[in-house]
Structures are given as structure tokens and as C-alpha cells.
Amino acid sequence: MKDWLARVWVSGAGFMAGALLLVAPLVAGAGWGVLAIFLASPVYMLHQIEEHAGDRFRSYVNRVVFGGAEALTVGDVLWINLPGVWGLNLLALYAAWLAGPGWGLAAAYLILVNGIAHLGMAARFRSYNPGLATGALIFIPFGLSTAMAVPASAAQHLLALAIAIAVHLAIMVRVRRNVARAPARGG
């Protein structure tokens, strides 16, 4: 199952993004806030195509950021993107729909934090990284505009930001553990 998912999930993201965008007019009836949270999923899927087509991001992180160590595994990429991103966005959409748009802002903040992380990685390594273009040109504007336009309390903003940061910190902990477990290279 993992091998099959690894081969098809990025293509599936492209088809899903298109299908979700076709459904967006139906969701618009729920109001701008819910629509914005809904749009986080197809926006993220478009980013995932740039980032993960041809296993580009995992290969880049392992080669450039971690000097050849397997910091990100295929399984990690699947867990991060499918239940992690898609699952979190689905939960955020349900929270926005059932309890109010402010409760779904984790989807917008996840996008914003990820876009900033891509810019930080580009500055640190002085090079393009897979996902940088959509991170800078789509994620940061979309994340900021959604966070500013969706009516929410300060507590809802803080919770959403905390969730987005926690997700990214969990990924960092995971890759550091993978590197620590990796056998020593060369010598």
C-alpha cells in the first residue's frame, strides 16, 4: 500500500485540487470564512505538486539539508501530507462549518507557516527548494489574507498558530530522530 501511495499521491493531489475547486461554488453558500478554509485544501495540493513531484522535496532535504542522511523517509512524507495536511485541513473545515470560521484557521496558519519555512530554507541554503515558488507566491498571500479576513478572536488565532507551529515542530523532531538513528556515513 505504501509503495502504491508513494507512486500516485502527488498525481491524486492534482486531480483532487481540480475537483475541489469545481465544488467551491457550492461551498461559497456557507460564507466567505468557510470557503476560505475549504480553499486551503486545493491550494495546499497545488503546492504539494510543486514540492513532491518526482520525490523532489524529500530528496532535496536528505541531500542538501542533511548531507545525505535519510532524514525524511517515504513513509514520513506520506504521513505528513495525507493524514497530516489533508486530515488537518478536513478537521479545520468541519470546525469552521460547525463552530464558526475562526475555529478553522489552523488550515490558513499551516499554509502561512509552511510558506515562511520555505523562504527560510531558501535563505539558509541560498537556493531554490521544492515548494518555494508556491510557498512564496501563493501560501504567504493566501495564509495572511485568510487569517486577516476570517472573523476570529485572538484566542482562535493563537490556537491556530500554535497548531501550525506544533505540526512543523513535530516534523523537525521526526527528521532529527531519523538522522540520529541513521548509520554513520563514510569514513
C-alpha atoms as a PDB file:
ATOM      1  CA  MET A   1       0.000   0.000   0.000  1.00  0.00           C
ATOM      2  CA  LYS A   2       2.783   2.426   0.923  1.00  0.00           C
ATOM      3  CA  ASP A   3       4.589   1.854  -2.377  1.00  0.00           C
ATOM      4  CA  TRP A   4       1.382   2.414  -4.340  1.00  0.00           C
ATOM      5  CA  LEU A   5       0.564   5.590  -2.386  1.00  0.00           C
ATOM      6  CA  ALA A   6       4.115   6.874  -2.854  1.00  0.00           C
ATOM      7  CA  ARG A   7       3.703   6.461  -6.620  1.00  0.00           C
ATOM      8  CA  VAL A   8       0.249   8.028  -7.014  1.00  0.00           C
ATOM      9  CA  TRP A   9      -0.483  10.510  -4.212  1.00  0.00           C
ATOM     10  CA  VAL A  10       1.012  13.576  -5.939  1.00  0.00           C
ATOM     11  CA  SER A  11      -0.969  12.890  -9.133  1.00  0.00           C
ATOM     12  CA  GLY A  12      -4.020  12.328  -6.953  1.00  0.00           C
ATOM     13  CA  ALA A  13      -3.414  15.704  -5.332  1.00  0.00           C
ATOM     14  CA  GLY A  14      -3.645  17.351  -8.747  1.00  0.00           C
ATOM     15  CA  PHE A  15      -6.941  15.672  -9.557  1.00  0.00           C
ATOM     16  CA  MET A  16      -8.304  16.347  -6.065  1.00  0.00           C
ATOM     17  CA  ALA A  17      -7.344  20.035  -6.264  1.00  0.00           C
ATOM     18  CA  GLY A  18      -9.232  20.345  -9.541  1.00  0.00           C
ATOM     19  CA  ALA A  19     -12.279  18.508  -8.193  1.00  0.00           C
ATOM     20  CA  LEU A  20     -12.341  20.588  -5.014  1.00  0.00           C
ATOM     21  CA  LEU A  21     -12.117  23.815  -6.997  1.00  0.00           C
ATOM     22  CA  LEU A  22     -15.110  22.678  -9.066  1.00  0.00           C
ATOM     23  CA  VAL A  23     -17.079  22.158  -5.829  1.00  0.00           C
ATOM     24  CA  ALA A  24     -16.030  25.517  -4.341  1.00  0.00           C
ATOM     25  CA  PRO A  25     -19.068  27.442  -5.674  1.00  0.00           C
ATOM     26  CA  LEU A  26     -21.325  25.107  -3.695  1.00  0.00           C
ATOM     27  CA  VAL A  27     -19.327  25.748  -0.513  1.00  0.00           C
ATOM     28  CA  ALA A  28     -19.485  29.515  -1.088  1.00  0.00           C
ATOM     29  CA  GLY A  29     -23.045  29.476   0.209  1.00  0.00           C
ATOM     30  CA  ALA A  30     -21.656  28.771   3.685  1.00  0.00           C
ATOM     31  CA  GLY A  31     -19.959  32.197   3.671  1.00  0.00           C
ATOM     32  CA  TRP A  32     -16.525  33.625   2.925  1.00  0.00           C
ATOM     33  CA  GLY A  33     -14.868  32.267   6.078  1.00  0.00           C
ATOM     34  CA  VAL A  34     -15.859  28.653   5.473  1.00  0.00           C
ATOM     35  CA  LEU A  35     -14.996  28.997   1.769  1.00  0.00           C
ATOM     36  CA  ALA A  36     -11.514  30.307   2.641  1.00  0.00           C
ATOM     37  CA  ILE A  37     -10.891  27.343   4.954  1.00  0.00           C
ATOM     38  CA  PHE A  38     -12.223  24.993   2.239  1.00  0.00           C
ATOM     39  CA  LEU A  39      -9.863  26.520  -0.343  1.00  0.00           C
ATOM     40  CA  ALA A  40      -6.877  25.735   1.884  1.00  0.00           C
ATOM     41  CA  SER A  41      -7.008  22.124   0.695  1.00  0.00           C
ATOM     42  CA  PRO A  42      -6.769  22.677  -3.072  1.00  0.00           C
ATOM     43  CA  VAL A  43      -4.234  25.463  -2.503  1.00  0.00           C
ATOM     44  CA  TYR A  44      -2.096  23.083  -0.438  1.00  0.00           C
ATOM     45  CA  MET A  45      -2.490  20.325  -3.044  1.00  0.00           C
ATOM     46  CA  LEU A  46      -1.154  22.612  -5.782  1.00  0.00           C
ATOM     47  CA  HIS A  47       1.848  23.324  -3.547  1.00  0.00           C
ATOM     48  CA  GLN A  48       2.342  19.596  -2.964  1.00  0.00           C
ATOM     49  CA  ILE A  49       2.633  19.051  -6.716  1.00  0.00           C
ATOM     50  CA  GLU A  50       5.495  21.544  -6.986  1.00  0.00           C
ATOM     51  CA  GLU A  51       7.065  20.235  -3.817  1.00  0.00           C
ATOM     52  CA  HIS A  52       6.756  16.476  -4.140  1.00  0.00           C
ATOM     53  CA  ALA A  53       6.507  15.573  -7.850  1.00  0.00           C
ATOM     54  CA  GLY A  54       9.342  13.176  -8.570  1.00  0.00           C
ATOM     55  CA  ASP A  55      10.113  12.901  -4.828  1.00  0.00           C
ATOM     56  CA  ARG A  56      11.853  16.272  -5.137  1.00  0.00           C
ATOM     57  CA  PHE A  57      11.378  17.673  -1.630  1.00  0.00           C
ATOM     58  CA  ARG A  58      12.373  14.510   0.244  1.00  0.00           C
ATOM     59  CA  SER A  59      15.439  14.119  -1.969  1.00  0.00           C
ATOM     60  CA  TYR A  60      16.375  17.787  -1.519  1.00  0.00           C
ATOM     61  CA  VAL A  61      16.024  17.695   2.270  1.00  0.00           C
ATOM     62  CA  ASN A  62      18.025  14.495   2.573  1.00  0.00           C
ATOM     63  CA  ARG A  63      20.773  15.610   0.190  1.00  0.00           C
ATOM     64  CA  VAL A  64      21.099  19.348   0.883  1.00  0.00           C
ATOM     65  CA  VAL A  65      19.770  19.966   4.375  1.00  0.00           C
ATOM     66  CA  PHE A  66      21.021  16.751   5.991  1.00  0.00           C
ATOM     67  CA  GLY A  67      24.080  15.978   3.856  1.00  0.00           C
ATOM     68  CA  GLY A  68      22.884  12.639   2.514  1.00  0.00           C
ATOM     69  CA  ALA A  69      21.280  11.202   5.662  1.00  0.00           C
ATOM     70  CA  GLU A  70      17.763   9.841   5.294  1.00  0.00           C
ATOM     71  CA  ALA A  71      16.091  12.491   7.418  1.00  0.00           C
ATOM     72  CA  LEU A  72      12.776  12.171   5.586  1.00  0.00           C
ATOM     73  CA  THR A  73      11.565   8.733   4.552  1.00  0.00           C
ATOM     74  CA  VAL A  74       8.887   7.950   2.001  1.00  0.00           C
ATOM     75  CA  GLY A  75       6.646   6.937   4.894  1.00  0.00           C
ATOM     76  CA  ASP A  76       7.263  10.273   6.631  1.00  0.00           C
ATOM     77  CA  VAL A  77       6.246  12.185   3.506  1.00  0.00           C
ATOM     78  CA  LEU A  78       3.037  10.185   3.240  1.00  0.00           C
ATOM     79  CA  TRP A  79       2.148  10.667   6.933  1.00  0.00           C
ATOM     80  CA  ILE A  80       2.943  14.371   6.857  1.00  0.00           C
ATOM     81  CA  ASN A  81       0.946  15.110   3.722  1.00  0.00           C
ATOM     82  CA  LEU A  82      -2.004  12.737   3.748  1.00  0.00           C
ATOM     83  CA  PRO A  83      -3.306  12.455   7.314  1.00  0.00           C
ATOM     84  CA  GLY A  84      -1.198  15.420   8.404  1.00  0.00           C
ATOM     85  CA  VAL A  85      -2.036  18.145   5.890  1.00  0.00           C
ATOM     86  CA  TRP A  86      -5.174  16.722   4.266  1.00  0.00           C
ATOM     87  CA  GLY A  87      -6.517  15.435   7.569  1.00  0.00           C
ATOM     88  CA  LEU A  88      -5.826  18.674   9.434  1.00  0.00           C
ATOM     89  CA  ASN A  89      -7.450  20.686   6.650  1.00  0.00           C
ATOM     90  CA  LEU A  90     -10.515  18.434   6.743  1.00  0.00           C
ATOM     91  CA  LEU A  91     -10.806  18.837  10.530  1.00  0.00           C
ATOM     92  CA  ALA A  92     -10.375  22.601  10.133  1.00  0.00           C
ATOM     93  CA  LEU A  93     -13.146  22.686   7.523  1.00  0.00           C
ATOM     94  CA  TYR A  94     -15.524  20.803   9.786  1.00  0.00           C
ATOM     95  CA  ALA A  95     -14.628  23.081  12.711  1.00  0.00           C
ATOM     96  CA  ALA A  96     -15.252  26.152  10.533  1.00  0.00           C
ATOM     97  CA  TRP A  97     -18.560  24.799   9.270  1.00  0.00           C
ATOM     98  CA  LEU A  98     -19.872  23.532  12.613  1.00  0.00           C
ATOM     99  CA  ALA A  99     -18.472  26.044  15.119  1.00  0.00           C
ATOM    100  CA  GLY A 100     -17.576  29.100  13.004  1.00  0.00           C
ATOM    101  CA  PRO A 101     -14.795  30.055  10.575  1.00  0.00           C
ATOM    102  CA  GLY A 102     -12.397  31.215  13.285  1.00  0.00           C
ATOM    103  CA  TRP A 103     -12.171  27.647  14.563  1.00  0.00           C
ATOM    104  CA  GLY A 104     -10.831  26.501  11.185  1.00  0.00           C
ATOM    105  CA  LEU A 105      -7.939  28.924  10.949  1.00  0.00           C
ATOM    106  CA  ALA A 106      -5.355  26.190  11.609  1.00  0.00           C
ATOM    107  CA  ALA A 107      -5.580  25.452   7.861  1.00  0.00           C
ATOM    108  CA  ALA A 108      -4.593  29.029   6.981  1.00  0.00           C
ATOM    109  CA  TYR A 109      -1.816  29.167   9.556  1.00  0.00           C
ATOM    110  CA  LEU A 110      -0.435  25.797   8.428  1.00  0.00           C
ATOM    111  CA  ILE A 111      -0.130  27.279   4.945  1.00  0.00           C
ATOM    112  CA  LEU A 112       1.424  30.502   6.227  1.00  0.00           C
ATOM    113  CA  VAL A 113       3.988  28.771   8.460  1.00  0.00           C
ATOM    114  CA  ASN A 114       4.916  26.405   5.629  1.00  0.00           C
ATOM    115  CA  GLY A 115       5.409  29.287   3.192  1.00  0.00           C
ATOM    116  CA  ILE A 116       7.639  31.093   5.679  1.00  0.00           C
ATOM    117  CA  ALA A 117       9.590  27.863   6.272  1.00  0.00           C
ATOM    118  CA  HIS A 118      10.269  27.563   2.533  1.00  0.00           C
ATOM    119  CA  LEU A 119      11.554  31.152   2.452  1.00  0.00           C
ATOM    120  CA  GLY A 120      13.735  30.465   5.489  1.00  0.00           C
ATOM    121  CA  MET A 121      15.182  27.350   3.868  1.00  0.00           C
ATOM    122  CA  ALA A 122      15.901  29.273   0.664  1.00  0.00           C
ATOM    123  CA  ALA A 123      17.698  31.988   2.625  1.00  0.00           C
ATOM    124  CA  ARG A 124      19.648  29.463   4.706  1.00  0.00           C
ATOM    125  CA  PHE A 125      20.835  27.400   1.738  1.00  0.00           C
ATOM    126  CA  ARG A 126      20.830  30.251  -0.800  1.00  0.00           C
ATOM    127  CA  SER A 127      18.989  28.160  -3.346  1.00  0.00           C
ATOM    128  CA  TYR A 128      15.608  27.105  -4.610  1.00  0.00           C
ATOM    129  CA  ASN A 129      13.920  24.335  -2.664  1.00  0.00           C
ATOM    130  CA  PRO A 130      10.983  22.322  -3.996  1.00  0.00           C
ATOM    131  CA  GLY A 131       7.840  24.170  -2.945  1.00  0.00           C
ATOM    132  CA  LEU A 132       9.458  27.608  -2.723  1.00  0.00           C
ATOM    133  CA  ALA A 133       7.590  29.178  -5.656  1.00  0.00           C
ATOM    134  CA  THR A 134       4.101  28.259  -4.438  1.00  0.00           C
ATOM    135  CA  GLY A 135       5.193  28.855  -0.841  1.00  0.00           C
ATOM    136  CA  ALA A 136       6.226  32.426  -1.578  1.00  0.00           C
ATOM    137  CA  LEU A 137       3.740  33.366  -4.300  1.00  0.00           C
ATOM    138  CA  ILE A 138       0.613  31.577  -3.072  1.00  0.00           C
ATOM    139  CA  PHE A 139       0.994  30.349   0.510  1.00  0.00           C
ATOM    140  CA  ILE A 140       2.092  33.541   2.200  1.00  0.00           C
ATOM    141  CA  PRO A 141      -0.504  35.786   0.496  1.00  0.00           C
ATOM    142  CA  PHE A 142      -3.280  33.193   0.930  1.00  0.00           C
ATOM    143  CA  GLY A 143      -2.395  32.462   4.550  1.00  0.00           C
ATOM    144  CA  LEU A 144      -2.125  36.131   5.504  1.00  0.00           C
ATOM    145  CA  SER A 145      -5.275  37.209   3.694  1.00  0.00           C
ATOM    146  CA  THR A 146      -7.293  34.331   5.154  1.00  0.00           C
ATOM    147  CA  ALA A 147      -6.007  34.970   8.686  1.00  0.00           C
ATOM    148  CA  MET A 148      -6.866  38.664   8.345  1.00  0.00           C
ATOM    149  CA  ALA A 149     -10.241  38.245   6.621  1.00  0.00           C
ATOM    150  CA  VAL A 150     -11.787  35.396   8.606  1.00  0.00           C
ATOM    151  CA  PRO A 151     -13.557  36.735  11.689  1.00  0.00           C
ATOM    152  CA  ALA A 152     -11.836  35.224  14.719  1.00  0.00           C
ATOM    153  CA  SER A 153     -10.928  36.013  18.298  1.00  0.00           C
ATOM    154  CA  ALA A 154      -7.347  36.425  19.461  1.00  0.00           C
ATOM    155  CA  ALA A 155      -7.632  33.025  21.163  1.00  0.00           C
ATOM    156  CA  GLN A 156      -8.675  31.394  17.879  1.00  0.00           C
ATOM    157  CA  HIS A 157      -5.703  32.973  16.084  1.00  0.00           C
ATOM    158  CA  LEU A 158      -3.313  31.841  18.818  1.00  0.00           C
ATOM    159  CA  LEU A 159      -4.711  28.303  18.824  1.00  0.00           C
ATOM    160  CA  ALA A 160      -4.470  28.085  15.027  1.00  0.00           C
ATOM    161  CA  LEU A 161      -0.896  29.386  15.038  1.00  0.00           C
ATOM    162  CA  ALA A 162       0.043  27.018  17.866  1.00  0.00           C
ATOM    163  CA  ILE A 163      -1.341  24.046  15.902  1.00  0.00           C
ATOM    164  CA  ALA A 164       0.574  25.052  12.760  1.00  0.00           C
ATOM    165  CA  ILE A 165       3.817  25.523  14.678  1.00  0.00           C
ATOM    166  CA  ALA A 166       3.299  22.244  16.568  1.00  0.00           C
ATOM    167  CA  VAL A 167       2.872  20.360  13.271  1.00  0.00           C
ATOM    168  CA  HIS A 168       6.094  21.813  11.910  1.00  0.00           C
ATOM    169  CA  LEU A 169       7.966  21.181  15.167  1.00  0.00           C
ATOM    170  CA  ALA A 170       6.773  17.561  15.152  1.00  0.00           C
ATOM    171  CA  ILE A 171       8.197  17.178  11.640  1.00  0.00           C
ATOM    172  CA  MET A 172      11.505  18.659  12.788  1.00  0.00           C
ATOM    173  CA  VAL A 173      11.647  16.289  15.762  1.00  0.00           C
ATOM    174  CA  ARG A 174      10.923  13.349  13.465  1.00  0.00           C
ATOM    175  CA  VAL A 175      13.665  14.204  10.962  1.00  0.00           C
ATOM    176  CA  ARG A 176      16.191  14.803  13.759  1.00  0.00           C
ATOM    177  CA  ARG A 177      15.352  11.364  15.220  1.00  0.00           C
ATOM    178  CA  ASN A 178      15.720   9.786  11.781  1.00  0.00           C
ATOM    179  CA  VAL A 179      19.150  11.392  11.386  1.00  0.00           C
ATOM    180  CA  ALA A 180      20.206  10.290  14.874  1.00  0.00           C
ATOM    181  CA  ARG A 181      19.200   6.670  14.075  1.00  0.00           C
ATOM    182  CA  ALA A 182      20.898   6.648  10.684  1.00  0.00           C
ATOM    183  CA  PRO A 183      24.125   4.678  10.410  1.00  0.00           C
ATOM    184  CA  ALA A 184      27.304   6.764  10.233  1.00  0.00           C
ATOM    185  CA  ARG A 185      28.269   7.693   6.670  1.00  0.00           C
ATOM    186  CA  GLY A 186      31.633   7.039   5.074  1.00  0.00           C
ATOM    187  CA  GLY A 187      34.962   7.129   6.826  1.00  0.00           C
END
